[in-house]
Each structure stands twice: as structure tokens, then as C-alpha cells.
Amino acid sequence: MKVILLRDVAKLGRRFEPTVVPDGYALNKLIPQGLAEAATPENIKRVLARKDKQEIDATSQAEAFIAVCEALKDVTVTLTVEANEKQHLFKAVKESDVARALADAGYAISTDLIKLAEPIKALGVYEVAIQLADKHGLVKLEVIKK
């Protein structure tokens, strides 16, 4: 039976690829679990339209990400936290805290895109990486005492 995969399936194929599989596998596993649809002409048109829309969305998202990275290149975002007299933070700064600080500064960046090697545990200025697929950017984050 010929099916169109709706998700990546291990050892079978990638999303939106037409694939030939045994009838039982398609009817008992792939189609009921939403992993594939039968490759009828109507389904092929619908899935290809969904693929084109997804590619356009990904392109526009990448362009927006690049624009935000360019805007953040010369900006230092400040995050105010509680710390002791030895400059150690009472609570480590994580990706969600950085995302909140960026949102307060007017830059909407998802927590998933922020990459910290390890949580920030001391006051200071840090360079935080942001990444969308193969696009990279840096944000200067200044952690100051409340």
C-alpha cells in the first residue's frame, strides 16, 4: 500500500515522503497512529499544500530570527537577581529567566532557542547563545544585584 508519511518514521522514511509499505502495517499501525495517510490524489494534494505552507512558515521564522539577532548584536540585556555579598546568586539563571529578560526588553525569543552551557550562578556580563536550526546569534546579558 502506498502511503504519505506525516511524521518521520524510523527505518521507513521522512515526513511528507510517499512510501510503499505492507497493507497490514499501514492499516493497523501507521494510519491509526496518525503517522501516515493513504496516498490518494486528494491526500497527496493536501499534504503537499501543508508541506509548502510549512516551508514558507519556516522561512519567515528564520528571517525574523535573523532580524532579532541583528537587533541584539549591540544591545546588552539586564537581568536583576538576588545575590549575596560574595556575588553568588541565590537562584541560578536559566534559559527561561533569559527569555523573560529578553521579553521585558522587547525581544520575543522562545526558551527553546536559548542555549546556556550551564546555568549562570554569579553576577557579571555573559554572552548567551541563541540558535534556530543552523542560524546562530549572541546576546549580551548583564546579571546585576537587586
C-alpha atoms as a PDB file:
ATOM      1  CA  MET A   1       0.000   0.000   0.000  1.00  0.00           C
ATOM      2  CA  LYS A   2       1.313   3.433  -0.882  1.00  0.00           C
ATOM      3  CA  VAL A   3       1.173   5.986   1.960  1.00  0.00           C
ATOM      4  CA  ILE A   4       2.398   9.513   2.604  1.00  0.00           C
ATOM      5  CA  LEU A   5       4.257   9.884   5.875  1.00  0.00           C
ATOM      6  CA  LEU A   6       3.007  12.675   8.136  1.00  0.00           C
ATOM      7  CA  ARG A   7       5.956  12.330  10.531  1.00  0.00           C
ATOM      8  CA  ASP A   8       9.470  10.924  10.376  1.00  0.00           C
ATOM      9  CA  VAL A   9       9.284   7.171  10.941  1.00  0.00           C
ATOM     10  CA  ALA A  10      12.448   5.278  11.861  1.00  0.00           C
ATOM     11  CA  LYS A  11      13.673   2.842   9.190  1.00  0.00           C
ATOM     12  CA  LEU A  12      10.815   3.882   6.891  1.00  0.00           C
ATOM     13  CA  GLY A  13      11.189   7.457   5.721  1.00  0.00           C
ATOM     14  CA  ARG A  14      10.970  11.163   6.369  1.00  0.00           C
ATOM     15  CA  ARG A  15       7.970  13.411   6.719  1.00  0.00           C
ATOM     16  CA  PHE A  16       5.948  14.094   3.525  1.00  0.00           C
ATOM     17  CA  GLU A  17       7.637  11.249   1.595  1.00  0.00           C
ATOM     18  CA  PRO A  18       5.480   8.758  -0.310  1.00  0.00           C
ATOM     19  CA  THR A  19       6.382   5.226   0.753  1.00  0.00           C
ATOM     20  CA  VAL A  20       5.205   1.726  -0.105  1.00  0.00           C
ATOM     21  CA  VAL A  21       4.534  -0.449   2.960  1.00  0.00           C
ATOM     22  CA  PRO A  22       2.673  -3.697   3.591  1.00  0.00           C
ATOM     23  CA  ASP A  23      -1.114  -3.227   3.811  1.00  0.00           C
ATOM     24  CA  GLY A  24      -1.354  -4.527   7.371  1.00  0.00           C
ATOM     25  CA  TYR A  25       1.391  -2.207   8.619  1.00  0.00           C
ATOM     26  CA  ALA A  26      -0.311   0.796   7.019  1.00  0.00           C
ATOM     27  CA  LEU A  27      -3.848  -0.067   8.139  1.00  0.00           C
ATOM     28  CA  ASN A  28      -3.027  -1.317  11.641  1.00  0.00           C
ATOM     29  CA  LYS A  29      -0.207   0.980  12.717  1.00  0.00           C
ATOM     30  CA  LEU A  30       0.711   3.941  10.523  1.00  0.00           C
ATOM     31  CA  ILE A  31      -2.739   5.322   9.670  1.00  0.00           C
ATOM     32  CA  PRO A  32      -4.419   4.780  13.098  1.00  0.00           C
ATOM     33  CA  GLN A  33      -1.468   6.386  14.922  1.00  0.00           C
ATOM     34  CA  GLY A  34      -1.511   9.413  12.605  1.00  0.00           C
ATOM     35  CA  LEU A  35       1.913   8.645  11.169  1.00  0.00           C
ATOM     36  CA  ALA A  36       0.702   8.342   7.568  1.00  0.00           C
ATOM     37  CA  GLU A  37      -2.237   8.739   5.201  1.00  0.00           C
ATOM     38  CA  ALA A  38      -3.215   6.664   2.201  1.00  0.00           C
ATOM     39  CA  ALA A  39      -1.650   8.110  -0.955  1.00  0.00           C
ATOM     40  CA  THR A  40      -4.864   9.078  -2.764  1.00  0.00           C
ATOM     41  CA  PRO A  41      -4.715  12.023  -5.196  1.00  0.00           C
ATOM     42  CA  GLU A  42      -6.702  14.229  -2.759  1.00  0.00           C
ATOM     43  CA  ASN A  43      -4.441  13.357   0.182  1.00  0.00           C
ATOM     44  CA  ILE A  44      -1.321  13.963  -1.905  1.00  0.00           C
ATOM     45  CA  LYS A  45      -2.548  17.464  -2.852  1.00  0.00           C
ATOM     46  CA  ARG A  46      -3.467  18.264   0.756  1.00  0.00           C
ATOM     47  CA  VAL A  47      -0.166  17.016   2.186  1.00  0.00           C
ATOM     48  CA  LEU A  48       1.887  18.852  -0.453  1.00  0.00           C
ATOM     49  CA  ALA A  49      -0.027  22.061   0.325  1.00  0.00           C
ATOM     50  CA  ARG A  50       0.724  21.550   4.032  1.00  0.00           C
ATOM     51  CA  LYS A  51       4.403  20.960   3.200  1.00  0.00           C
ATOM     52  CA  ASP A  52       4.587  24.175   1.142  1.00  0.00           C
ATOM     53  CA  LYS A  53       2.910  26.164   3.926  1.00  0.00           C
ATOM     54  CA  GLN A  54       5.306  24.728   6.490  1.00  0.00           C
ATOM     55  CA  GLU A  55       8.327  25.643   4.335  1.00  0.00           C
ATOM     56  CA  ILE A  56       7.044  29.220   3.964  1.00  0.00           C
ATOM     57  CA  ASP A  57       6.480  29.451   7.733  1.00  0.00           C
ATOM     58  CA  ALA A  58       9.989  28.137   8.417  1.00  0.00           C
ATOM     59  CA  THR A  59      11.491  30.670   6.003  1.00  0.00           C
ATOM     60  CA  SER A  60       9.629  33.594   7.560  1.00  0.00           C
ATOM     61  CA  GLN A  61      10.566  32.386  11.046  1.00  0.00           C
ATOM     62  CA  ALA A  62      14.242  32.209  10.037  1.00  0.00           C
ATOM     63  CA  GLU A  63      14.095  35.727   8.579  1.00  0.00           C
ATOM     64  CA  ALA A  64      12.513  37.056  11.789  1.00  0.00           C
ATOM     65  CA  PHE A  65      15.179  35.279  13.845  1.00  0.00           C
ATOM     66  CA  ILE A  66      17.970  36.844  11.779  1.00  0.00           C
ATOM     67  CA  ALA A  67      16.387  40.289  12.222  1.00  0.00           C
ATOM     68  CA  VAL A  68      16.211  39.814  16.005  1.00  0.00           C
ATOM     69  CA  CYS A  69      19.847  38.621  16.095  1.00  0.00           C
ATOM     70  CA  GLU A  70      20.936  41.726  14.181  1.00  0.00           C
ATOM     71  CA  ALA A  71      18.990  43.951  16.583  1.00  0.00           C
ATOM     72  CA  LEU A  72      20.501  42.212  19.623  1.00  0.00           C
ATOM     73  CA  LYS A  73      24.072  42.438  18.323  1.00  0.00           C
ATOM     74  CA  ASP A  74      24.784  45.778  20.030  1.00  0.00           C
ATOM     75  CA  VAL A  75      22.310  45.507  22.925  1.00  0.00           C
ATOM     76  CA  THR A  76      23.038  44.461  26.496  1.00  0.00           C
ATOM     77  CA  VAL A  77      20.035  42.984  28.280  1.00  0.00           C
ATOM     78  CA  THR A  78      19.957  43.455  32.046  1.00  0.00           C
ATOM     79  CA  LEU A  79      18.634  40.871  34.482  1.00  0.00           C
ATOM     80  CA  THR A  80      18.222  41.849  38.135  1.00  0.00           C
ATOM     81  CA  VAL A  81      18.518  38.995  40.638  1.00  0.00           C
ATOM     82  CA  GLU A  82      19.110  38.500  44.335  1.00  0.00           C
ATOM     83  CA  ALA A  83      22.705  37.768  45.323  1.00  0.00           C
ATOM     84  CA  ASN A  84      24.862  37.647  48.441  1.00  0.00           C
ATOM     85  CA  GLU A  85      27.852  39.856  49.213  1.00  0.00           C
ATOM     86  CA  LYS A  86      30.195  37.342  47.526  1.00  0.00           C
ATOM     87  CA  GLN A  87      28.428  37.961  44.183  1.00  0.00           C
ATOM     88  CA  HIS A  88      26.843  34.484  44.163  1.00  0.00           C
ATOM     89  CA  LEU A  89      23.222  34.211  43.131  1.00  0.00           C
ATOM     90  CA  PHE A  90      20.597  32.755  45.436  1.00  0.00           C
ATOM     91  CA  LYS A  91      18.997  31.109  42.401  1.00  0.00           C
ATOM     92  CA  ALA A  92      20.751  30.132  39.166  1.00  0.00           C
ATOM     93  CA  VAL A  93      19.756  31.944  35.971  1.00  0.00           C
ATOM     94  CA  LYS A  94      18.317  29.533  33.401  1.00  0.00           C
ATOM     95  CA  GLU A  95      17.065  29.811  29.829  1.00  0.00           C
ATOM     96  CA  SER A  96      13.574  30.769  30.998  1.00  0.00           C
ATOM     97  CA  ASP A  97      14.987  33.693  33.012  1.00  0.00           C
ATOM     98  CA  VAL A  98      16.948  34.906  29.983  1.00  0.00           C
ATOM     99  CA  ALA A  99      13.817  34.635  27.806  1.00  0.00           C
ATOM    100  CA  ARG A 100      11.861  36.686  30.360  1.00  0.00           C
ATOM    101  CA  ALA A 101      14.589  39.371  30.427  1.00  0.00           C
ATOM    102  CA  LEU A 102      14.590  39.500  26.625  1.00  0.00           C
ATOM    103  CA  ALA A 103      10.790  39.803  26.595  1.00  0.00           C
ATOM    104  CA  ASP A 104      10.997  42.674  29.096  1.00  0.00           C
ATOM    105  CA  ALA A 105      13.480  44.364  26.755  1.00  0.00           C
ATOM    106  CA  GLY A 106      11.057  43.929  23.836  1.00  0.00           C
ATOM    107  CA  TYR A 107      12.544  40.880  22.102  1.00  0.00           C
ATOM    108  CA  ALA A 108      10.343  37.799  21.860  1.00  0.00           C
ATOM    109  CA  ILE A 109      12.609  34.761  21.830  1.00  0.00           C
ATOM    110  CA  SER A 110      11.416  31.317  22.846  1.00  0.00           C
ATOM    111  CA  THR A 111      13.113  29.484  25.693  1.00  0.00           C
ATOM    112  CA  ASP A 112      13.850  26.624  23.277  1.00  0.00           C
ATOM    113  CA  LEU A 113      16.120  28.855  21.188  1.00  0.00           C
ATOM    114  CA  ILE A 114      18.302  29.996  24.102  1.00  0.00           C
ATOM    115  CA  LYS A 115      21.369  27.837  24.714  1.00  0.00           C
ATOM    116  CA  LEU A 116      23.230  28.052  28.022  1.00  0.00           C
ATOM    117  CA  ALA A 117      26.160  25.689  28.538  1.00  0.00           C
ATOM    118  CA  GLU A 118      25.330  25.728  32.245  1.00  0.00           C
ATOM    119  CA  PRO A 119      23.133  27.880  34.488  1.00  0.00           C
ATOM    120  CA  ILE A 120      24.573  31.264  35.461  1.00  0.00           C
ATOM    121  CA  LYS A 121      25.434  31.336  39.178  1.00  0.00           C
ATOM    122  CA  ALA A 122      27.308  34.633  39.644  1.00  0.00           C
ATOM    123  CA  LEU A 123      26.889  38.318  38.852  1.00  0.00           C
ATOM    124  CA  GLY A 124      28.572  39.631  35.715  1.00  0.00           C
ATOM    125  CA  VAL A 125      28.261  40.033  31.961  1.00  0.00           C
ATOM    126  CA  TYR A 126      27.704  36.895  29.892  1.00  0.00           C
ATOM    127  CA  GLU A 127      27.301  36.077  26.222  1.00  0.00           C
ATOM    128  CA  VAL A 128      24.301  33.831  25.736  1.00  0.00           C
ATOM    129  CA  ALA A 129      23.901  31.872  22.505  1.00  0.00           C
ATOM    130  CA  ILE A 130      20.601  31.750  20.670  1.00  0.00           C
ATOM    131  CA  GLN A 131      20.088  29.231  17.891  1.00  0.00           C
ATOM    132  CA  LEU A 132      17.387  28.378  15.372  1.00  0.00           C
ATOM    133  CA  ALA A 133      18.318  25.342  13.280  1.00  0.00           C
ATOM    134  CA  ASP A 134      21.610  26.371  11.623  1.00  0.00           C
ATOM    135  CA  LYS A 135      21.292  30.099  12.440  1.00  0.00           C
ATOM    136  CA  HIS A 136      23.218  31.418  15.459  1.00  0.00           C
ATOM    137  CA  GLY A 137      23.283  34.647  17.411  1.00  0.00           C
ATOM    138  CA  LEU A 138      24.678  36.057  20.649  1.00  0.00           C
ATOM    139  CA  VAL A 139      23.041  38.160  23.345  1.00  0.00           C
ATOM    140  CA  LYS A 140      24.975  40.096  25.972  1.00  0.00           C
ATOM    141  CA  LEU A 141      23.336  39.507  29.340  1.00  0.00           C
ATOM    142  CA  GLU A 142      24.295  41.575  32.353  1.00  0.00           C
ATOM    143  CA  VAL A 143      23.312  39.963  35.647  1.00  0.00           C
ATOM    144  CA  ILE A 144      23.138  42.597  38.397  1.00  0.00           C
ATOM    145  CA  LYS A 145      22.248  42.583  42.085  1.00  0.00           C
ATOM    146  CA  LYS A 146      18.763  43.599  43.170  1.00  0.00           C
END
